[in-house]
Structure formats: C-alpha cells, structure tokens
C-alpha atoms as a PDB file:
ATOM      1  CA  UNK A   1       0.064  -0.320   0.069  1.00  0.00           C
ATOM      2  CA  UNK A   2       2.705   2.123   0.655  1.00  0.00           C
ATOM      3  CA  UNK A   3       4.025   1.799  -2.622  1.00  0.00           C
ATOM      4  CA  UNK A   4       0.894   3.264  -4.080  1.00  0.00           C
ATOM      5  CA  UNK A   5       0.764   5.970  -2.635  1.00  0.00           C
ATOM      6  CA  UNK A   6       4.242   7.015  -3.172  1.00  0.00           C
ATOM      7  CA  UNK A   7       3.499   6.321  -6.784  1.00  0.00           C
ATOM      8  CA  UNK A   8       0.353   8.655  -6.407  1.00  0.00           C
ATOM      9  CA  UNK A   9       2.776  12.054  -4.619  1.00  0.00           C
ATOM     10  CA  UNK A  10       5.066  11.899  -7.469  1.00  0.00           C
ATOM     11  CA  UNK A  11       2.988  11.140  -9.858  1.00  0.00           C
ATOM     12  CA  UNK A  12       0.893  15.120  -8.557  1.00  0.00           C
ATOM     13  CA  UNK A  13       4.604  16.298  -7.500  1.00  0.00           C
ATOM     14  CA  UNK A  14       5.366  15.943 -10.933  1.00  0.00           C
ATOM     15  CA  UNK A  15       2.898  17.168 -13.339  1.00  0.00           C
ATOM     16  CA  UNK A  16       2.770  20.423 -11.307  1.00  0.00           C
ATOM     17  CA  UNK A  17       6.068  20.726 -12.653  1.00  0.00           C
ATOM     18  CA  UNK A  18       5.859  19.430 -16.288  1.00  0.00           C
ATOM     19  CA  UNK A  19       1.848  20.942 -16.971  1.00  0.00           C
ATOM     20  CA  UNK A  20       3.980  24.016 -17.045  1.00  0.00           C
ATOM     21  CA  UNK A  21       6.864  22.929 -18.666  1.00  0.00           C
ATOM     22  CA  UNK A  22       4.650  22.286 -21.909  1.00  0.00           C
ATOM     23  CA  UNK A  23       1.835  24.536 -21.688  1.00  0.00           C
ATOM     24  CA  UNK A  24       4.339  28.193 -21.401  1.00  0.00           C
ATOM     25  CA  UNK A  25       1.091  29.864 -23.955  1.00  0.00           C
ATOM     26  CA  UNK A  26      -1.509  28.105 -22.017  1.00  0.00           C
ATOM     27  CA  UNK A  27      -2.810  27.840 -26.176  1.00  0.00           C
ATOM     28  CA  UNK A  28      -5.570  25.186 -27.142  1.00  0.00           C
ATOM     29  CA  UNK A  29      -3.410  23.294 -28.685  1.00  0.00           C
ATOM     30  CA  UNK A  30      -0.839  23.124 -26.070  1.00  0.00           C
ATOM     31  CA  UNK A  31      -3.199  22.125 -23.693  1.00  0.00           C
ATOM     32  CA  UNK A  32      -4.753  19.531 -26.521  1.00  0.00           C
ATOM     33  CA  UNK A  33      -1.418  17.820 -26.447  1.00  0.00           C
ATOM     34  CA  UNK A  34      -0.985  17.647 -23.209  1.00  0.00           C
ATOM     35  CA  UNK A  35      -4.374  15.312 -22.695  1.00  0.00           C
ATOM     36  CA  UNK A  36      -3.558  13.267 -25.709  1.00  0.00           C
ATOM     37  CA  UNK A  37      -0.538  13.312 -23.497  1.00  0.00           C
ATOM     38  CA  UNK A  38      -2.034  11.767 -19.857  1.00  0.00           C
ATOM     39  CA  UNK A  39      -4.998   9.420 -21.702  1.00  0.00           C
ATOM     40  CA  UNK A  40      -2.372   8.105 -23.531  1.00  0.00           C
ATOM     41  CA  UNK A  41      -0.316   7.546 -19.899  1.00  0.00           C
ATOM     42  CA  UNK A  42      -3.517   6.467 -18.725  1.00  0.00           C
ATOM     43  CA  UNK A  43      -3.991   3.920 -20.997  1.00  0.00           C
ATOM     44  CA  UNK A  44      -0.376   2.145 -20.516  1.00  0.00           C
ATOM     45  CA  UNK A  45      -1.181   2.354 -17.619  1.00  0.00           C
ATOM     46  CA  UNK A  46      -4.656   0.398 -17.261  1.00  0.00           C
ATOM     47  CA  UNK A  47      -2.297  -2.021 -19.845  1.00  0.00           C
ATOM     48  CA  UNK A  48      -0.673  -2.818 -17.384  1.00  0.00           C
ATOM     49  CA  UNK A  49      -1.960  -3.143 -14.550  1.00  0.00           C
ATOM     50  CA  UNK A  50      -4.636  -5.213 -16.652  1.00  0.00           C
ATOM     51  CA  UNK A  51      -0.989  -7.698 -17.602  1.00  0.00           C
ATOM     52  CA  UNK A  52       0.803  -8.209 -14.354  1.00  0.00           C
ATOM     53  CA  UNK A  53      -2.919  -7.919 -11.969  1.00  0.00           C
ATOM     54  CA  UNK A  54      -3.552 -11.310  -9.456  1.00  0.00           C
ATOM     55  CA  UNK A  55      -6.909 -11.204  -7.644  1.00  0.00           C
ATOM     56  CA  UNK A  56      -6.479 -12.705  -3.596  1.00  0.00           C
ATOM     57  CA  UNK A  57      -8.151 -13.154  -1.463  1.00  0.00           C
ATOM     58  CA  UNK A  58      -8.091 -11.286   2.001  1.00  0.00           C
ATOM     59  CA  UNK A  59      -7.805 -13.675   5.000  1.00  0.00           C
ATOM     60  CA  UNK A  60     -10.559 -10.855   6.156  1.00  0.00           C
ATOM     61  CA  UNK A  61     -12.348 -12.259   3.372  1.00  0.00           C
ATOM     62  CA  UNK A  62     -12.535 -16.084   4.710  1.00  0.00           C
ATOM     63  CA  UNK A  63     -14.982 -15.087   8.059  1.00  0.00           C
ATOM     64  CA  UNK A  64     -13.093 -16.638  10.561  1.00  0.00           C
ATOM     65  CA  UNK A  65     -11.313 -13.172  12.084  1.00  0.00           C
ATOM     66  CA  UNK A  66     -15.718 -11.856  11.835  1.00  0.00           C
ATOM     67  CA  UNK A  67     -17.272 -15.711  13.389  1.00  0.00           C
ATOM     68  CA  UNK A  68     -14.908 -14.928  16.938  1.00  0.00           C
ATOM     69  CA  UNK A  69     -16.103 -11.446  17.046  1.00  0.00           C
ATOM     70  CA  UNK A  70     -19.527 -12.329  17.240  1.00  0.00           C
ATOM     71  CA  UNK A  71     -18.867 -15.312  20.218  1.00  0.00           C
ATOM     72  CA  UNK A  72     -17.997 -12.553  21.926  1.00  0.00           C
ATOM     73  CA  UNK A  73     -21.357 -12.873  24.850  1.00  0.00           C
ATOM     74  CA  UNK A  74     -22.253  -8.694  25.391  1.00  0.00           C
ATOM     75  CA  UNK A  75     -22.519  -8.779  29.480  1.00  0.00           C
ATOM     76  CA  UNK A  76     -18.180  -9.945  29.726  1.00  0.00           C
ATOM     77  CA  UNK A  77     -17.296  -7.252  27.668  1.00  0.00           C
ATOM     78  CA  UNK A  78     -19.598  -4.554  29.369  1.00  0.00           C
ATOM     79  CA  UNK A  79     -18.265  -5.147  33.396  1.00  0.00           C
ATOM     80  CA  UNK A  80     -14.044  -4.995  31.504  1.00  0.00           C
END
C-alpha cells in the first residue's frame, strides 16, 4: 500500500512541474497535446495493470475473524 501512495504522490508532484513546462503559452493546441499525452499514459497504465495484476482473497474475507467477534458475549465486555 505504501508503494501505491508513493507513486501517486510522485505523479502529482511531477505533474505540477511538467504541465507548465509543456504549456508555456497556455494555448489550446498545447493543452490538447497535453491531454493526449495524459490519455496515452492512462491507457498504458491500465494495460500494464490488466497484464500484471493478481487477485487473491484477503484473510478477513473468509469470515474466520468475524465469527470470533460474534461469539463474544456482551455481558463480559460490559463488565471490563
């Protein structure tokens, strides 16, 4: 999870500096090219994700921990 947060932060920080460099005159053609580049990067990232992603069920989804929680009596919790 930390890697995802670092990648998002890096992307946002670098984007803040790259956009003014790519659009010095702030004209429509410059922004059009910028959005095309951004769209191509998004498509490439999604293709990368689809190729390399894995789906595994997390431990909490099996219900073992939930059954332990539901077996606790309310009386014993209230007395502590």
